[in-house]
């Protein structure tokens, strides 16, 4: 098998996309919170989070999408117990998110790990 074909058989990677619309007056705080979440996820979770991208819609400056990938569902669950995730949860609790849609995916093909 190629690396691309073998990858999901070696691990059970799971990904999530999250699309959010942020209150316009809270975008800067959102960006700070997400930067900490990305850095904490990639640098402090002992390899459980293997990718975390935050993307902005160029036509709607307060609309964002995150793409997160974890080695398995246990790693994703551990992520939700971290201080950097809890800062994101607090931001939501503070009313910074106008709408949110999250979708989980299982990896079929991939690479780069």
C-alpha atoms as a PDB file:
ATOM      1  CA  UNK A   1       0.000   0.000   0.000  1.00  0.00           C
ATOM      2  CA  UNK A   2       1.091   3.552  -0.629  1.00  0.00           C
ATOM      3  CA  UNK A   3       1.502   5.935   2.307  1.00  0.00           C
ATOM      4  CA  UNK A   4      -1.774   7.625   1.298  1.00  0.00           C
ATOM      5  CA  UNK A   5      -3.677   4.308   1.324  1.00  0.00           C
ATOM      6  CA  UNK A   6      -2.031   2.959   4.489  1.00  0.00           C
ATOM      7  CA  UNK A   7      -2.430   6.073   6.607  1.00  0.00           C
ATOM      8  CA  UNK A   8      -6.037   5.558   7.826  1.00  0.00           C
ATOM      9  CA  UNK A   9      -5.244   1.899   8.561  1.00  0.00           C
ATOM     10  CA  UNK A  10      -2.329   2.809  10.821  1.00  0.00           C
ATOM     11  CA  UNK A  11      -4.424   5.200  12.903  1.00  0.00           C
ATOM     12  CA  UNK A  12      -8.108   6.001  13.164  1.00  0.00           C
ATOM     13  CA  UNK A  13      -7.848   9.716  12.384  1.00  0.00           C
ATOM     14  CA  UNK A  14     -10.841  11.917  12.926  1.00  0.00           C
ATOM     15  CA  UNK A  15     -11.393  15.435  11.627  1.00  0.00           C
ATOM     16  CA  UNK A  16     -13.863  18.165  12.332  1.00  0.00           C
ATOM     17  CA  UNK A  17     -14.817  21.278  10.413  1.00  0.00           C
ATOM     18  CA  UNK A  18     -16.362  24.104  12.351  1.00  0.00           C
ATOM     19  CA  UNK A  19     -17.921  27.094  10.614  1.00  0.00           C
ATOM     20  CA  UNK A  20     -18.636  30.116  12.799  1.00  0.00           C
ATOM     21  CA  UNK A  21     -19.920  33.639  12.438  1.00  0.00           C
ATOM     22  CA  UNK A  22     -18.420  35.928  15.080  1.00  0.00           C
ATOM     23  CA  UNK A  23     -19.870  39.130  16.499  1.00  0.00           C
ATOM     24  CA  UNK A  24     -18.115  41.877  14.556  1.00  0.00           C
ATOM     25  CA  UNK A  25     -16.908  43.704  17.665  1.00  0.00           C
ATOM     26  CA  UNK A  26     -15.353  40.469  19.010  1.00  0.00           C
ATOM     27  CA  UNK A  27     -13.352  39.353  15.952  1.00  0.00           C
ATOM     28  CA  UNK A  28      -9.989  40.506  17.346  1.00  0.00           C
ATOM     29  CA  UNK A  29     -10.579  38.650  20.626  1.00  0.00           C
ATOM     30  CA  UNK A  30     -11.702  35.603  18.632  1.00  0.00           C
ATOM     31  CA  UNK A  31      -8.452  35.654  16.643  1.00  0.00           C
ATOM     32  CA  UNK A  32      -6.412  35.820  19.858  1.00  0.00           C
ATOM     33  CA  UNK A  33      -8.355  32.924  21.407  1.00  0.00           C
ATOM     34  CA  UNK A  34      -8.013  30.813  18.261  1.00  0.00           C
ATOM     35  CA  UNK A  35      -4.287  31.494  17.957  1.00  0.00           C
ATOM     36  CA  UNK A  36      -3.846  30.149  21.491  1.00  0.00           C
ATOM     37  CA  UNK A  37      -6.057  27.150  20.672  1.00  0.00           C
ATOM     38  CA  UNK A  38      -4.057  26.347  17.536  1.00  0.00           C
ATOM     39  CA  UNK A  39      -0.666  26.723  19.249  1.00  0.00           C
ATOM     40  CA  UNK A  40      -1.807  24.767  22.306  1.00  0.00           C
ATOM     41  CA  UNK A  41      -3.327  22.025  20.178  1.00  0.00           C
ATOM     42  CA  UNK A  42      -0.321  21.531  17.926  1.00  0.00           C
ATOM     43  CA  UNK A  43       2.459  22.112  20.466  1.00  0.00           C
ATOM     44  CA  UNK A  44       1.076  20.902  23.824  1.00  0.00           C
ATOM     45  CA  UNK A  45      -1.127  17.896  23.117  1.00  0.00           C
ATOM     46  CA  UNK A  46       1.645  15.316  22.675  1.00  0.00           C
ATOM     47  CA  UNK A  47       0.872  14.681  19.017  1.00  0.00           C
ATOM     48  CA  UNK A  48      -2.863  14.087  19.446  1.00  0.00           C
ATOM     49  CA  UNK A  49      -3.771  17.036  17.226  1.00  0.00           C
ATOM     50  CA  UNK A  50      -2.000  16.765  13.892  1.00  0.00           C
ATOM     51  CA  UNK A  51      -3.601  19.681  12.053  1.00  0.00           C
ATOM     52  CA  UNK A  52      -5.506  22.801  13.033  1.00  0.00           C
ATOM     53  CA  UNK A  53      -6.234  25.483  10.459  1.00  0.00           C
ATOM     54  CA  UNK A  54      -8.324  28.623  10.938  1.00  0.00           C
ATOM     55  CA  UNK A  55      -9.621  30.108   7.685  1.00  0.00           C
ATOM     56  CA  UNK A  56     -11.486  33.363   7.024  1.00  0.00           C
ATOM     57  CA  UNK A  57     -14.128  33.933   4.377  1.00  0.00           C
ATOM     58  CA  UNK A  58     -12.742  36.831   2.294  1.00  0.00           C
ATOM     59  CA  UNK A  59     -16.233  38.068   1.424  1.00  0.00           C
ATOM     60  CA  UNK A  60     -17.577  37.912   5.019  1.00  0.00           C
ATOM     61  CA  UNK A  61     -14.797  39.086   7.379  1.00  0.00           C
ATOM     62  CA  UNK A  62     -16.474  37.770  10.531  1.00  0.00           C
ATOM     63  CA  UNK A  63     -17.067  34.248   9.136  1.00  0.00           C
ATOM     64  CA  UNK A  64     -14.434  31.576   9.804  1.00  0.00           C
ATOM     65  CA  UNK A  65     -13.913  27.869   9.322  1.00  0.00           C
ATOM     66  CA  UNK A  66     -11.586  25.641  11.351  1.00  0.00           C
ATOM     67  CA  UNK A  67     -10.252  22.342  10.143  1.00  0.00           C
ATOM     68  CA  UNK A  68      -8.928  20.123  12.932  1.00  0.00           C
ATOM     69  CA  UNK A  69      -7.508  16.600  12.685  1.00  0.00           C
ATOM     70  CA  UNK A  70      -6.733  14.262  15.571  1.00  0.00           C
ATOM     71  CA  UNK A  71      -5.033  10.869  15.606  1.00  0.00           C
ATOM     72  CA  UNK A  72      -8.196   9.303  17.038  1.00  0.00           C
ATOM     73  CA  UNK A  73     -11.400  10.099  18.892  1.00  0.00           C
ATOM     74  CA  UNK A  74      -9.640   9.802  22.277  1.00  0.00           C
ATOM     75  CA  UNK A  75      -7.238  12.588  21.262  1.00  0.00           C
ATOM     76  CA  UNK A  76     -10.194  14.757  20.241  1.00  0.00           C
ATOM     77  CA  UNK A  77     -11.859  14.113  23.610  1.00  0.00           C
ATOM     78  CA  UNK A  78      -8.626  14.996  25.479  1.00  0.00           C
ATOM     79  CA  UNK A  79      -8.430  18.233  23.487  1.00  0.00           C
ATOM     80  CA  UNK A  80     -11.722  19.363  25.008  1.00  0.00           C
ATOM     81  CA  UNK A  81     -10.191  19.169  28.501  1.00  0.00           C
ATOM     82  CA  UNK A  82      -7.273  21.530  27.774  1.00  0.00           C
ATOM     83  CA  UNK A  83      -6.955  25.149  28.935  1.00  0.00           C
ATOM     84  CA  UNK A  84      -6.696  26.409  25.341  1.00  0.00           C
ATOM     85  CA  UNK A  85      -9.961  24.683  24.365  1.00  0.00           C
ATOM     86  CA  UNK A  86     -11.625  26.008  27.509  1.00  0.00           C
ATOM     87  CA  UNK A  87     -10.663  29.564  26.441  1.00  0.00           C
ATOM     88  CA  UNK A  88     -12.607  28.947  23.202  1.00  0.00           C
ATOM     89  CA  UNK A  89     -15.551  27.576  25.200  1.00  0.00           C
ATOM     90  CA  UNK A  90     -15.463  30.705  27.396  1.00  0.00           C
ATOM     91  CA  UNK A  91     -15.461  32.927  24.299  1.00  0.00           C
ATOM     92  CA  UNK A  92     -18.626  31.169  23.133  1.00  0.00           C
ATOM     93  CA  UNK A  93     -20.189  31.474  26.569  1.00  0.00           C
ATOM     94  CA  UNK A  94     -19.410  35.213  26.504  1.00  0.00           C
ATOM     95  CA  UNK A  95     -21.612  35.551  23.412  1.00  0.00           C
ATOM     96  CA  UNK A  96     -18.919  35.975  20.761  1.00  0.00           C
ATOM     97  CA  UNK A  97     -20.369  33.380  18.384  1.00  0.00           C
ATOM     98  CA  UNK A  98     -23.490  34.294  16.405  1.00  0.00           C
ATOM     99  CA  UNK A  99     -23.736  30.871  14.725  1.00  0.00           C
ATOM    100  CA  UNK A 100     -21.756  27.632  14.664  1.00  0.00           C
ATOM    101  CA  UNK A 101     -21.924  24.435  12.636  1.00  0.00           C
ATOM    102  CA  UNK A 102     -19.597  21.502  13.346  1.00  0.00           C
ATOM    103  CA  UNK A 103     -19.251  18.324  11.285  1.00  0.00           C
ATOM    104  CA  UNK A 104     -17.085  15.307  12.195  1.00  0.00           C
ATOM    105  CA  UNK A 105     -15.379  13.177   9.551  1.00  0.00           C
ATOM    106  CA  UNK A 106     -13.414   9.918   9.501  1.00  0.00           C
ATOM    107  CA  UNK A 107     -10.293   9.887   7.358  1.00  0.00           C
ATOM    108  CA  UNK A 108     -10.390   7.841   4.177  1.00  0.00           C
ATOM    109  CA  UNK A 109      -7.174   8.967   2.453  1.00  0.00           C
ATOM    110  CA  UNK A 110      -4.527  11.361   3.569  1.00  0.00           C
ATOM    111  CA  UNK A 111      -0.908  11.985   4.149  1.00  0.00           C
ATOM    112  CA  UNK A 112       1.572  14.393   5.553  1.00  0.00           C
ATOM    113  CA  UNK A 113       1.743  12.927   9.053  1.00  0.00           C
END
